[in-house]
């Protein structure tokens, strides 16, 4: 084999490798384009699902959670009113006990005094 034949063989192999590389690059480019398309489709689907879920959460907050908080707050207002009533009753009870104590003391003093008969 002559030097020219060897060079032609090497050039043919290099050309084959170059063709194979171009084919691989084209295939890789097509696969990357397909992956990009798939990703874009999946991202759009995720955005749609996420938007729907966010809307559902907002509706739940508005229709359920906020109303439940309002109900609890109203219940606490009633408890506060009842506590005020209980405190008033407790104050009245303490006042009655103090008056009773004074009256008991007065009765005890009256019992200690000798009875004077009036004729």
N, C-alpha and C. Protein backbone atom coordinates (compact mmCIF):
# COMPACT_ATOMS: atom_id res chain seq x y z
N UNK A 1 0.84 -1.16 0.00
CA UNK A 1 0.00 0.00 0.00
C UNK A 1 0.90 1.23 0.00
N UNK A 2 0.52 2.13 -0.82
CA UNK A 2 1.34 3.33 -0.95
C UNK A 2 0.88 4.36 0.06
N UNK A 3 1.67 5.38 0.16
CA UNK A 3 1.34 6.47 1.08
C UNK A 3 0.02 7.12 0.71
N UNK A 4 -0.23 7.27 -0.57
CA UNK A 4 -1.48 7.88 -1.04
C UNK A 4 -2.68 7.01 -0.68
N UNK A 5 -2.51 5.71 -0.79
CA UNK A 5 -3.59 4.80 -0.44
C UNK A 5 -3.91 4.88 1.06
N UNK A 6 -2.82 4.97 1.84
CA UNK A 6 -2.99 5.08 3.28
C UNK A 6 -3.71 6.39 3.64
N UNK A 7 -3.28 7.46 2.96
CA UNK A 7 -3.92 8.74 3.20
C UNK A 7 -5.39 8.71 2.78
N UNK A 8 -5.68 8.11 1.66
CA UNK A 8 -7.08 7.99 1.21
C UNK A 8 -7.90 7.17 2.21
N UNK A 9 -7.32 6.11 2.71
CA UNK A 9 -8.01 5.27 3.70
C UNK A 9 -8.29 6.07 4.98
N UNK A 10 -7.28 6.81 5.43
CA UNK A 10 -7.46 7.63 6.62
C UNK A 10 -8.51 8.70 6.38
N UNK A 11 -8.45 9.34 5.22
CA UNK A 11 -9.43 10.37 4.89
C UNK A 11 -10.84 9.80 4.81
N UNK A 12 -10.96 8.60 4.26
CA UNK A 12 -12.27 7.94 4.18
C UNK A 12 -12.80 7.64 5.59
N UNK A 13 -11.90 7.16 6.46
CA UNK A 13 -12.31 6.88 7.84
C UNK A 13 -12.71 8.17 8.56
N UNK A 14 -11.93 9.23 8.34
CA UNK A 14 -12.25 10.52 8.96
C UNK A 14 -13.58 11.04 8.42
N UNK A 15 -13.81 10.87 7.11
CA UNK A 15 -15.07 11.30 6.51
C UNK A 15 -16.22 10.49 7.09
N UNK A 16 -16.00 9.20 7.30
CA UNK A 16 -17.04 8.35 7.90
C UNK A 16 -17.33 8.78 9.33
N UNK A 17 -16.25 9.07 10.06
CA UNK A 17 -16.43 9.54 11.43
C UNK A 17 -17.16 10.87 11.43
N UNK A 18 -16.79 11.74 10.50
CA UNK A 18 -17.45 13.06 10.41
C UNK A 18 -18.92 12.89 10.09
N UNK A 19 -19.25 12.00 9.18
CA UNK A 19 -20.64 11.75 8.82
C UNK A 19 -21.40 11.19 10.03
N UNK A 20 -20.76 10.27 10.74
CA UNK A 20 -21.38 9.70 11.94
C UNK A 20 -21.60 10.76 13.01
N UNK A 21 -20.62 11.64 13.16
CA UNK A 21 -20.74 12.72 14.15
C UNK A 21 -21.88 13.67 13.77
N UNK A 22 -21.97 13.99 12.45
CA UNK A 22 -23.06 14.86 12.00
C UNK A 22 -24.41 14.20 12.24
N UNK A 23 -24.47 12.91 11.97
CA UNK A 23 -25.71 12.17 12.18
C UNK A 23 -26.08 12.17 13.67
N UNK A 24 -25.07 11.94 14.52
CA UNK A 24 -25.32 11.96 15.96
C UNK A 24 -25.73 13.35 16.43
N UNK A 25 -25.09 14.38 15.88
CA UNK A 25 -25.43 15.75 16.26
C UNK A 25 -26.86 16.06 15.82
N UNK A 26 -27.23 15.63 14.61
CA UNK A 26 -28.60 15.85 14.14
C UNK A 26 -29.61 15.12 15.02
N UNK A 27 -29.29 13.86 15.36
CA UNK A 27 -30.17 13.07 16.21
C UNK A 27 -30.28 13.70 17.59
N UNK A 28 -29.13 14.12 18.13
CA UNK A 28 -29.11 14.76 19.45
C UNK A 28 -29.91 16.07 19.41
N UNK A 29 -29.76 16.83 18.34
CA UNK A 29 -30.52 18.07 18.20
C UNK A 29 -32.02 17.80 18.17
N UNK A 30 -32.42 16.76 17.43
CA UNK A 30 -33.83 16.41 17.33
C UNK A 30 -34.36 15.95 18.70
N UNK A 31 -33.54 15.16 19.42
CA UNK A 31 -33.96 14.69 20.73
C UNK A 31 -34.08 15.86 21.72
N UNK A 32 -33.14 16.79 21.66
CA UNK A 32 -33.20 17.97 22.53
C UNK A 32 -34.45 18.79 22.22
N UNK A 33 -34.76 18.94 20.93
CA UNK A 33 -35.97 19.68 20.55
C UNK A 33 -37.22 18.97 21.07
N UNK A 34 -37.22 17.64 21.00
CA UNK A 34 -38.37 16.87 21.50
C UNK A 34 -38.50 17.03 23.03
N UNK A 35 -37.36 16.98 23.72
CA UNK A 35 -37.38 17.15 25.17
C UNK A 35 -37.88 18.55 25.52
N UNK A 36 -37.43 19.56 24.79
CA UNK A 36 -37.90 20.93 25.04
C UNK A 36 -39.41 21.03 24.85
N UNK A 37 -39.89 20.42 23.79
CA UNK A 37 -41.34 20.45 23.53
C UNK A 37 -42.09 19.75 24.66
N UNK A 38 -41.59 18.57 25.06
CA UNK A 38 -42.23 17.84 26.16
C UNK A 38 -42.21 18.66 27.46
N UNK A 39 -41.08 19.28 27.74
CA UNK A 39 -40.98 20.10 28.95
C UNK A 39 -41.94 21.27 28.92
N UNK A 40 -42.02 21.92 27.77
CA UNK A 40 -42.95 23.05 27.65
C UNK A 40 -44.38 22.59 27.86
N UNK A 41 -44.74 21.44 27.31
CA UNK A 41 -46.08 20.90 27.48
C UNK A 41 -46.35 20.57 28.95
N UNK A 42 -45.38 19.92 29.58
CA UNK A 42 -45.54 19.56 30.99
C UNK A 42 -45.60 20.80 31.88
N UNK A 43 -44.79 21.80 31.59
CA UNK A 43 -44.80 23.03 32.37
C UNK A 43 -46.15 23.72 32.22
N UNK A 44 -46.68 23.76 31.02
CA UNK A 44 -47.99 24.37 30.81
C UNK A 44 -49.06 23.61 31.60
N UNK A 45 -48.98 22.27 31.60
CA UNK A 45 -49.96 21.48 32.36
C UNK A 45 -49.82 21.75 33.86
N UNK A 46 -48.59 21.83 34.34
CA UNK A 46 -48.37 22.12 35.77
C UNK A 46 -48.91 23.49 36.12
N UNK A 47 -48.69 24.48 35.25
CA UNK A 47 -49.22 25.83 35.50
C UNK A 47 -50.74 25.80 35.57
N UNK A 48 -51.37 25.08 34.66
CA UNK A 48 -52.83 24.99 34.68
C UNK A 48 -53.32 24.31 35.96
N UNK A 49 -52.69 23.20 36.33
CA UNK A 49 -53.08 22.49 37.55
C UNK A 49 -52.84 23.36 38.78
N UNK A 50 -51.71 24.03 38.81
CA UNK A 50 -51.39 24.89 39.94
C UNK A 50 -52.38 26.03 40.05
N UNK A 51 -52.75 26.61 38.91
CA UNK A 51 -53.74 27.68 38.92
C UNK A 51 -55.07 27.20 39.46
N UNK A 52 -55.48 26.00 39.06
CA UNK A 52 -56.74 25.43 39.55
C UNK A 52 -56.66 25.15 41.05
N UNK A 53 -55.52 24.64 41.51
CA UNK A 53 -55.37 24.35 42.94
C UNK A 53 -55.35 25.63 43.75
N UNK A 54 -54.69 26.66 43.25
CA UNK A 54 -54.66 27.95 43.95
C UNK A 54 -56.08 28.51 44.05
N UNK A 55 -56.83 28.41 42.98
CA UNK A 55 -58.21 28.88 43.00
C UNK A 55 -59.02 28.10 44.03
N UNK A 56 -58.82 26.79 44.09
CA UNK A 56 -59.54 25.96 45.07
C UNK A 56 -59.17 26.36 46.49
N UNK A 57 -57.89 26.63 46.74
CA UNK A 57 -57.46 27.04 48.08
C UNK A 57 -58.07 28.39 48.43
N UNK A 58 -58.07 29.31 47.49
CA UNK A 58 -58.66 30.63 47.74
C UNK A 58 -60.15 30.49 48.07
N UNK A 59 -60.85 29.66 47.33
CA UNK A 59 -62.27 29.46 47.59
C UNK A 59 -62.49 28.83 48.96
N UNK A 60 -61.64 27.88 49.32
CA UNK A 60 -61.76 27.25 50.63
C UNK A 60 -61.53 28.28 51.73
N UNK A 61 -60.49 29.10 51.56
CA UNK A 61 -60.23 30.14 52.55
C UNK A 61 -61.41 31.08 52.68
N UNK A 62 -61.95 31.48 51.55
CA UNK A 62 -63.04 32.45 51.56
C UNK A 62 -64.32 31.86 52.12
N UNK A 63 -64.66 30.66 51.68
CA UNK A 63 -65.97 30.09 52.01
C UNK A 63 -65.98 29.29 53.31
N UNK A 64 -64.87 28.73 53.69
CA UNK A 64 -64.87 27.86 54.87
C UNK A 64 -64.08 28.47 56.02
N UNK A 65 -62.80 28.68 55.79
CA UNK A 65 -61.92 29.11 56.87
C UNK A 65 -62.32 30.46 57.43
N UNK A 66 -62.53 31.43 56.56
CA UNK A 66 -62.89 32.76 57.03
C UNK A 66 -64.22 32.75 57.79
N UNK A 67 -65.18 31.97 57.30
CA UNK A 67 -66.47 31.89 57.99
C UNK A 67 -66.31 31.21 59.35
N UNK A 68 -65.47 30.17 59.41
CA UNK A 68 -65.25 29.49 60.69
C UNK A 68 -64.56 30.42 61.69
N UNK A 69 -63.63 31.21 61.21
CA UNK A 69 -62.97 32.18 62.10
C UNK A 69 -64.00 33.18 62.61
N UNK A 70 -64.89 33.61 61.74
CA UNK A 70 -65.93 34.56 62.15
C UNK A 70 -66.84 33.94 63.21
N UNK A 71 -67.20 32.68 63.01
CA UNK A 71 -68.06 31.98 63.97
C UNK A 71 -67.36 31.88 65.33
N UNK A 72 -66.08 31.54 65.31
CA UNK A 72 -65.32 31.44 66.56
C UNK A 72 -65.24 32.80 67.24
N UNK A 73 -65.00 33.85 66.45
CA UNK A 73 -64.90 35.19 67.02
C UNK A 73 -66.23 35.59 67.66
N UNK A 74 -67.33 35.28 67.00
CA UNK A 74 -68.64 35.60 67.57
C UNK A 74 -68.87 34.83 68.87
N UNK A 75 -68.42 33.59 68.90
CA UNK A 75 -68.53 32.79 70.12
C UNK A 75 -67.73 33.40 71.26
N UNK A 76 -66.57 33.95 70.93
CA UNK A 76 -65.75 34.58 71.97
C UNK A 76 -66.41 35.86 72.48
N UNK A 77 -67.11 36.56 71.60
CA UNK A 77 -67.83 37.74 72.05
C UNK A 77 -68.90 37.35 73.06
N UNK A 78 -69.61 36.25 72.77
CA UNK A 78 -70.62 35.75 73.71
C UNK A 78 -69.98 35.36 75.03
N UNK A 79 -68.83 34.71 74.96
CA UNK A 79 -68.13 34.32 76.18
C UNK A 79 -67.73 35.54 76.99
N UNK A 80 -67.29 36.57 76.29
CA UNK A 80 -66.91 37.80 76.98
C UNK A 80 -68.11 38.42 77.68
N UNK A 81 -69.25 38.45 77.00
CA UNK A 81 -70.47 38.99 77.61
C UNK A 81 -70.87 38.15 78.82
N UNK A 82 -70.81 36.83 78.69
CA UNK A 82 -71.17 35.95 79.80
C UNK A 82 -70.21 36.13 80.96
N UNK A 83 -68.93 36.32 80.67
CA UNK A 83 -67.96 36.55 81.73
C UNK A 83 -68.29 37.84 82.46
N UNK A 84 -68.65 38.87 81.72
CA UNK A 84 -69.04 40.14 82.36
C UNK A 84 -70.25 39.93 83.27
N UNK A 85 -71.22 39.14 82.80
CA UNK A 85 -72.40 38.86 83.61
C UNK A 85 -72.02 38.10 84.88
N UNK A 86 -71.14 37.10 84.73
CA UNK A 86 -70.70 36.31 85.88
C UNK A 86 -69.95 37.19 86.87
N UNK A 87 -69.13 38.08 86.36
CA UNK A 87 -68.39 38.98 87.25
C UNK A 87 -69.35 39.91 87.99
N UNK A 88 -70.39 40.37 87.30
CA UNK A 88 -71.39 41.22 87.97
C UNK A 88 -72.11 40.44 89.06
N UNK A 89 -72.49 39.20 88.76
CA UNK A 89 -73.16 38.36 89.76
C UNK A 89 -72.22 38.10 90.93
N UNK A 90 -70.95 37.85 90.63
CA UNK A 90 -69.98 37.61 91.69
C UNK A 90 -69.84 38.86 92.56
N UNK A 91 -69.80 40.03 91.94
CA UNK A 91 -69.71 41.28 92.69
C UNK A 91 -70.94 41.45 93.58
N UNK A 92 -72.13 41.19 93.01
CA UNK A 92 -73.36 41.28 93.80
C UNK A 92 -73.33 40.30 94.97
N UNK A 93 -72.85 39.10 94.73
CA UNK A 93 -72.77 38.08 95.78
C UNK A 93 -71.84 38.55 96.89
N UNK A 94 -70.71 39.13 96.53
CA UNK A 94 -69.78 39.64 97.54
C UNK A 94 -70.41 40.77 98.34
N UNK A 95 -71.14 41.64 97.67
CA UNK A 95 -71.82 42.74 98.37
C UNK A 95 -72.84 42.19 99.37
N UNK A 96 -73.59 41.17 98.95
CA UNK A 96 -74.59 40.55 99.83
C UNK A 96 -73.90 39.92 101.04
N UNK A 97 -72.77 39.24 100.83
CA UNK A 97 -72.03 38.64 101.94
C UNK A 97 -71.55 39.71 102.92
N UNK A 98 -71.07 40.83 102.38
CA UNK A 98 -70.60 41.90 103.27
C UNK A 98 -71.77 42.46 104.08
N UNK A 99 -72.92 42.69 103.45
CA UNK A 99 -74.09 43.20 104.17
C UNK A 99 -74.55 42.21 105.22
N UNK A 100 -74.54 40.92 104.88
CA UNK A 100 -74.93 39.88 105.83
C UNK A 100 -73.98 39.86 107.02
N UNK A 101 -72.72 40.00 106.75
CA UNK A 101 -71.72 40.04 107.82
C UNK A 101 -71.99 41.21 108.77
N UNK A 102 -72.30 42.37 108.20
CA UNK A 102 -72.60 43.55 109.02
C UNK A 102 -73.86 43.30 109.85
N UNK A 103 -74.89 42.73 109.21
CA UNK A 103 -76.14 42.45 109.93
C UNK A 103 -75.93 41.42 111.05
N UNK A 104 -75.14 40.39 110.78
CA UNK A 104 -74.84 39.41 111.82
C UNK A 104 -74.13 40.06 113.00
N UNK A 105 -73.21 40.94 112.70
CA UNK A 105 -72.51 41.65 113.77
C UNK A 105 -73.47 42.51 114.58
N UNK A 106 -74.36 43.21 113.85
CA UNK A 106 -75.35 44.04 114.55
C UNK A 106 -76.26 43.18 115.43
N UNK A 107 -76.68 42.02 114.95
CA UNK A 107 -77.54 41.12 115.73
C UNK A 107 -76.77 40.62 116.95
N UNK A 108 -75.51 40.30 116.78
CA UNK A 108 -74.71 39.84 117.90
C UNK A 108 -74.59 40.93 118.97
N UNK A 109 -74.42 42.15 118.56
CA UNK A 109 -74.35 43.27 119.52
C UNK A 109 -75.67 43.45 120.23
N UNK A 110 -76.75 43.32 119.47
CA UNK A 110 -78.07 43.46 120.09
C UNK A 110 -78.31 42.37 121.13
N UNK A 111 -77.84 41.17 120.86
CA UNK A 111 -78.02 40.06 121.81
C UNK A 111 -77.20 40.29 123.07
N UNK A 112 -76.09 40.94 122.94
CA UNK A 112 -75.23 41.19 124.09
C UNK A 112 -75.81 42.26 125.02
N UNK A 113 -76.59 43.14 124.51
CA UNK A 113 -77.18 44.20 125.33
C UNK A 113 -78.24 43.60 126.23
N UNK A 114 -78.26 44.06 127.44
CA UNK A 114 -79.33 43.56 128.32
C UNK A 114 -80.67 44.15 127.89
N UNK A 115 -81.64 43.36 128.05
CA UNK A 115 -82.98 43.80 127.68
C UNK A 115 -83.52 44.64 128.82
N UNK A 116 -83.96 45.79 128.48
CA UNK A 116 -84.57 46.68 129.49
C UNK A 116 -86.07 46.61 129.29
N UNK A 117 -86.68 46.37 130.33
CA UNK A 117 -88.13 46.27 130.31
C UNK A 117 -88.71 47.65 130.51
N UNK A 118 -89.62 47.91 129.72
CA UNK A 118 -90.31 49.18 129.86
C UNK A 118 -91.64 48.94 130.51
N UNK A 119 -91.89 49.73 131.50
CA UNK A 119 -93.17 49.58 132.21
C UNK A 119 -93.93 50.87 132.09
